[in-house]
PDB file of N, CA and C in Angstrom:
ATOM      1  N   MET A   1      16.037  35.105 163.784  1.00  0.00           N
ATOM      2  CA  MET A   1      15.133  36.172 163.433  1.00  0.00           C
ATOM      3  C   MET A   1      15.412  37.362 164.335  1.00  0.00           C
ATOM      4  N   VAL A   2      15.223  38.527 163.776  1.00  0.00           N
ATOM      5  CA  VAL A   2      15.435  39.761 164.515  1.00  0.00           C
ATOM      6  C   VAL A   2      14.213  40.647 164.344  1.00  0.00           C
ATOM      7  N   PRO A   3      14.033  41.636 165.241  1.00  0.00           N
ATOM      8  CA  PRO A   3      12.938  42.578 165.033  1.00  0.00           C
ATOM      9  C   PRO A   3      13.080  43.266 163.671  1.00  0.00           C
ATOM     10  N   SER A   4      11.983  43.564 163.044  1.00  0.00           N
ATOM     11  CA  SER A   4      12.004  44.131 161.693  1.00  0.00           C
ATOM     12  C   SER A   4      12.874  45.364 161.574  1.00  0.00           C
ATOM     13  N   GLU A   5      12.887  46.205 162.608  1.00  0.00           N
ATOM     14  CA  GLU A   5      13.679  47.442 162.523  1.00  0.00           C
ATOM     15  C   GLU A   5      15.189  47.181 162.510  1.00  0.00           C
ATOM     16  N   ASN A   6      15.594  45.979 162.851  1.00  0.00           N
ATOM     17  CA  ASN A   6      17.030  45.655 162.846  1.00  0.00           C
ATOM     18  C   ASN A   6      17.512  45.074 161.519  1.00  0.00           C
ATOM     19  N   THR A   7      16.629  44.893 160.559  1.00  0.00           N
ATOM     20  CA  THR A   7      17.031  44.223 159.334  1.00  0.00           C
ATOM     21  C   THR A   7      18.040  45.023 158.521  1.00  0.00           C
ATOM     22  N   LEU A   8      17.888  46.335 158.469  1.00  0.00           N
ATOM     23  CA  LEU A   8      18.853  47.147 157.722  1.00  0.00           C
ATOM     24  C   LEU A   8      20.235  47.044 158.345  1.00  0.00           C
ATOM     25  N   ASP A   9      20.304  47.119 159.657  1.00  0.00           N
ATOM     26  CA  ASP A   9      21.585  47.022 160.351  1.00  0.00           C
ATOM     27  C   ASP A   9      22.202  45.634 160.155  1.00  0.00           C
ATOM     28  N   LEU A  10      21.398  44.606 160.262  1.00  0.00           N
ATOM     29  CA  LEU A  10      21.892  43.248 160.099  1.00  0.00           C
ATOM     30  C   LEU A  10      22.431  43.022 158.688  1.00  0.00           C
ATOM     31  N   ALA A  11      21.688  43.452 157.678  1.00  0.00           N
ATOM     32  CA  ALA A  11      22.130  43.271 156.297  1.00  0.00           C
ATOM     33  C   ALA A  11      23.422  44.030 156.033  1.00  0.00           C
ATOM     34  N   ALA A  12      23.579  45.196 156.640  1.00  0.00           N
ATOM     35  CA  ALA A  12      24.802  45.987 156.442  1.00  0.00           C
ATOM     36  C   ALA A  12      26.013  45.314 157.086  1.00  0.00           C
ATOM     37  N   ARG A  13      25.798  44.536 158.120  1.00  0.00           N
ATOM     38  CA  ARG A  13      26.908  43.889 158.831  1.00  0.00           C
ATOM     39  C   ARG A  13      27.309  42.542 158.235  1.00  0.00           C
ATOM     40  N   LEU A  14      26.447  41.954 157.434  1.00  0.00           N
ATOM     41  CA  LEU A  14      26.749  40.653 156.840  1.00  0.00           C
ATOM     42  C   LEU A  14      27.453  40.845 155.502  1.00  0.00           C
ATOM     43  N   PRO A  15      28.568  40.169 155.287  1.00  0.00           N
ATOM     44  CA  PRO A  15      29.229  40.266 153.982  1.00  0.00           C
ATOM     45  C   PRO A  15      28.265  39.847 152.867  1.00  0.00           C
ATOM     46  N   ARG A  16      28.172  40.652 151.837  1.00  0.00           N
ATOM     47  CA  ARG A  16      27.279  40.397 150.705  1.00  0.00           C
ATOM     48  C   ARG A  16      25.825  40.284 151.128  1.00  0.00           C
ATOM     49  N   GLY A  17      25.474  40.889 152.273  1.00  0.00           N
ATOM     50  CA  GLY A  17      24.111  40.803 152.776  1.00  0.00           C
ATOM     51  C   GLY A  17      23.097  41.370 151.795  1.00  0.00           C
ATOM     52  N   GLU A  18      21.928  40.775 151.758  1.00  0.00           N
ATOM     53  CA  GLU A  18      20.849  41.202 150.884  1.00  0.00           C
ATOM     54  C   GLU A  18      19.561  41.274 151.684  1.00  0.00           C
ATOM     55  N   LEU A  19      18.733  42.227 151.339  1.00  0.00           N
ATOM     56  CA  LEU A  19      17.384  42.261 151.898  1.00  0.00           C
ATOM     57  C   LEU A  19      16.434  41.749 150.829  1.00  0.00           C
ATOM     58  N   VAL A  20      15.645  40.770 151.192  1.00  0.00           N
ATOM     59  CA  VAL A  20      14.695  40.175 150.262  1.00  0.00           C
ATOM     60  C   VAL A  20      13.297  40.477 150.786  1.00  0.00           C
ATOM     61  N   PRO A  21      12.376  40.863 149.903  1.00  0.00           N
ATOM     62  CA  PRO A  21      11.007  41.119 150.375  1.00  0.00           C
ATOM     63  C   PRO A  21      10.438  39.918 151.118  1.00  0.00           C
ATOM     64  N   LEU A  22       9.631  40.188 152.122  1.00  0.00           N
ATOM     65  CA  LEU A  22       9.003  39.116 152.881  1.00  0.00           C
ATOM     66  C   LEU A  22       8.047  38.331 152.005  1.00  0.00           C
ATOM     67  N   TYR A  23       7.867  37.088 152.327  1.00  0.00           N
ATOM     68  CA  TYR A  23       6.923  36.262 151.597  1.00  0.00           C
ATOM     69  C   TYR A  23       5.507  36.650 152.011  1.00  0.00           C
ATOM     70  N   PRO A  24       4.582  36.758 151.069  1.00  0.00           N
ATOM     71  CA  PRO A  24       3.235  37.227 151.393  1.00  0.00           C
ATOM     72  C   PRO A  24       2.491  36.283 152.338  1.00  0.00           C
ATOM     73  N   ASP A  25       1.892  36.858 153.346  1.00  0.00           N
ATOM     74  CA  ASP A  25       1.045  36.120 154.295  1.00  0.00           C
ATOM     75  C   ASP A  25       1.747  34.939 154.950  1.00  0.00           C
ATOM     76  N   ALA A  26       3.057  35.013 155.122  1.00  0.00           N
ATOM     77  CA  ALA A  26       3.781  33.872 155.654  1.00  0.00           C
ATOM     78  C   ALA A  26       4.055  33.973 157.144  1.00  0.00           C
ATOM     79  N   GLY A  27       4.092  35.162 157.696  1.00  0.00           N
ATOM     80  CA  GLY A  27       4.415  35.293 159.113  1.00  0.00           C
ATOM     81  C   GLY A  27       5.800  34.749 159.398  1.00  0.00           C
ATOM     82  N   HIS A  28       5.958  34.066 160.530  1.00  0.00           N
ATOM     83  CA  HIS A  28       7.257  33.526 160.912  1.00  0.00           C
ATOM     84  C   HIS A  28       7.594  32.232 160.171  1.00  0.00           C
ATOM     85  N   GLY A  29       6.653  31.714 159.421  1.00  0.00           N
ATOM     86  CA  GLY A  29       6.883  30.444 158.747  1.00  0.00           C
ATOM     87  C   GLY A  29       7.269  30.570 157.292  1.00  0.00           C
ATOM     88  N   GLY A  30       7.709  31.735 156.871  1.00  0.00           N
ATOM     89  CA  GLY A  30       8.016  31.956 155.460  1.00  0.00           C
ATOM     90  C   GLY A  30       9.015  30.982 154.881  1.00  0.00           C
ATOM     91  N   THR A  31      10.039  30.642 155.658  1.00  0.00           N
ATOM     92  CA  THR A  31      11.044  29.713 155.139  1.00  0.00           C
ATOM     93  C   THR A  31      10.492  28.301 154.988  1.00  0.00           C
ATOM     94  N   PHE A  32       9.395  28.010 155.654  1.00  0.00           N
ATOM     95  CA  PHE A  32       8.780  26.692 155.533  1.00  0.00           C
ATOM     96  C   PHE A  32       7.650  26.700 154.503  1.00  0.00           C
ATOM     97  N   GLN A  33       6.837  27.765 154.522  1.00  0.00           N
ATOM     98  CA  GLN A  33       5.729  27.849 153.583  1.00  0.00           C
ATOM     99  C   GLN A  33       6.212  28.082 152.148  1.00  0.00           C
ATOM    100  N   PHE A  34       7.325  28.755 151.997  1.00  0.00           N
ATOM    101  CA  PHE A  34       7.876  29.076 150.683  1.00  0.00           C
ATOM    102  C   PHE A  34       9.266  28.460 150.552  1.00  0.00           C
ATOM    103  N   HIS A  35       9.393  27.214 150.992  1.00  0.00           N
ATOM    104  CA  HIS A  35      10.707  26.589 151.068  1.00  0.00           C
ATOM    105  C   HIS A  35      11.403  26.483 149.719  1.00  0.00           C
ATOM    106  N   ASP A  36      10.662  26.234 148.636  1.00  0.00           N
ATOM    107  CA  ASP A  36      11.310  26.131 147.321  1.00  0.00           C
ATOM    108  C   ASP A  36      12.003  27.436 146.943  1.00  0.00           C
ATOM    109  N   ALA A  37      11.317  28.545 147.104  1.00  0.00           N
ATOM    110  CA  ALA A  37      11.894  29.852 146.775  1.00  0.00           C
ATOM    111  C   ALA A  37      13.024  30.202 147.737  1.00  0.00           C
ATOM    112  N   PHE A  38      12.825  29.916 149.024  1.00  0.00           N
ATOM    113  CA  PHE A  38      13.845  30.245 150.019  1.00  0.00           C
ATOM    114  C   PHE A  38      15.122  29.442 149.795  1.00  0.00           C
ATOM    115  N   VAL A  39      14.990  28.138 149.607  1.00  0.00           N
ATOM    116  CA  VAL A  39      16.166  27.288 149.435  1.00  0.00           C
ATOM    117  C   VAL A  39      16.933  27.672 148.178  1.00  0.00           C
ATOM    118  N   ALA A  40      16.235  27.924 147.093  1.00  0.00           N
ATOM    119  CA  ALA A  40      16.909  28.317 145.852  1.00  0.00           C
ATOM    120  C   ALA A  40      17.704  29.604 146.053  1.00  0.00           C
ATOM    121  N   ARG A  41      17.114  30.581 146.700  1.00  0.00           N
ATOM    122  CA  ARG A  41      17.805  31.856 146.919  1.00  0.00           C
ATOM    123  C   ARG A  41      18.954  31.690 147.914  1.00  0.00           C
ATOM    124  N   ALA A  42      18.740  30.933 148.968  1.00  0.00           N
ATOM    125  CA  ALA A  42      19.801  30.713 149.956  1.00  0.00           C
ATOM    126  C   ALA A  42      20.987  29.982 149.345  1.00  0.00           C
ATOM    127  N   LEU A  43      20.729  28.956 148.551  1.00  0.00           N
ATOM    128  CA  LEU A  43      21.828  28.220 147.912  1.00  0.00           C
ATOM    129  C   LEU A  43      22.592  29.107 146.932  1.00  0.00           C
ATOM    130  N   ALA A  44      21.887  29.913 146.160  1.00  0.00           N
ATOM    131  CA  ALA A  44      22.555  30.814 145.230  1.00  0.00           C
ATOM    132  C   ALA A  44      23.447  31.799 145.978  1.00  0.00           C
ATOM    133  N   PHE A  45      22.963  32.294 147.102  1.00  0.00           N
ATOM    134  CA  PHE A  45      23.756  33.221 147.914  1.00  0.00           C
ATOM    135  C   PHE A  45      24.979  32.528 148.480  1.00  0.00           C
ATOM    136  N   LEU A  46      24.800  31.337 149.022  1.00  0.00           N
ATOM    137  CA  LEU A  46      25.914  30.609 149.644  1.00  0.00           C
ATOM    138  C   LEU A  46      26.929  30.114 148.630  1.00  0.00           C
ATOM    139  N   GLU A  47      26.471  29.790 147.426  1.00  0.00           N
ATOM    140  CA  GLU A  47      27.388  29.279 146.412  1.00  0.00           C
ATOM    141  C   GLU A  47      28.129  30.387 145.669  1.00  0.00           C
ATOM    142  N   ALA A  48      27.643  31.608 145.753  1.00  0.00           N
ATOM    143  CA  ALA A  48      28.293  32.723 145.046  1.00  0.00           C
ATOM    144  C   ALA A  48      29.674  32.957 145.626  1.00  0.00           C
ATOM    145  N   ARG A  49      30.621  33.139 144.744  1.00  0.00           N
ATOM    146  CA  ARG A  49      31.995  33.396 145.186  1.00  0.00           C
ATOM    147  C   ARG A  49      32.254  34.884 145.099  1.00  0.00           C
ATOM    148  N   PRO A  50      32.576  35.516 146.201  1.00  0.00           N
ATOM    149  CA  PRO A  50      32.790  36.962 146.191  1.00  0.00           C
ATOM    150  C   PRO A  50      33.983  37.386 145.345  1.00  0.00           C
ATOM    151  N   ASP A  51      34.944  36.489 145.112  1.00  0.00           N
ATOM    152  CA  ASP A  51      36.125  36.847 144.336  1.00  0.00           C
ATOM    153  C   ASP A  51      36.034  36.399 142.886  1.00  0.00           C
ATOM    154  N   ALA A  52      34.891  35.834 142.496  1.00  0.00           N
ATOM    155  CA  ALA A  52      34.732  35.325 141.124  1.00  0.00           C
ATOM    156  C   ALA A  52      34.305  36.418 140.177  1.00  0.00           C
TER     157      ALA A  52
END
């Protein structure tokens, strides 16, 4: 996790980086409270082939 103001810089530095809206009322536990949505999006991102 990074400070919120660093998210634009971080996304720009990551290949195929994406900014996704924060999960509502989740705080630091968003990946746990919204694990179904997070895992689905993370797997889709990781499985995407940049050369496909």
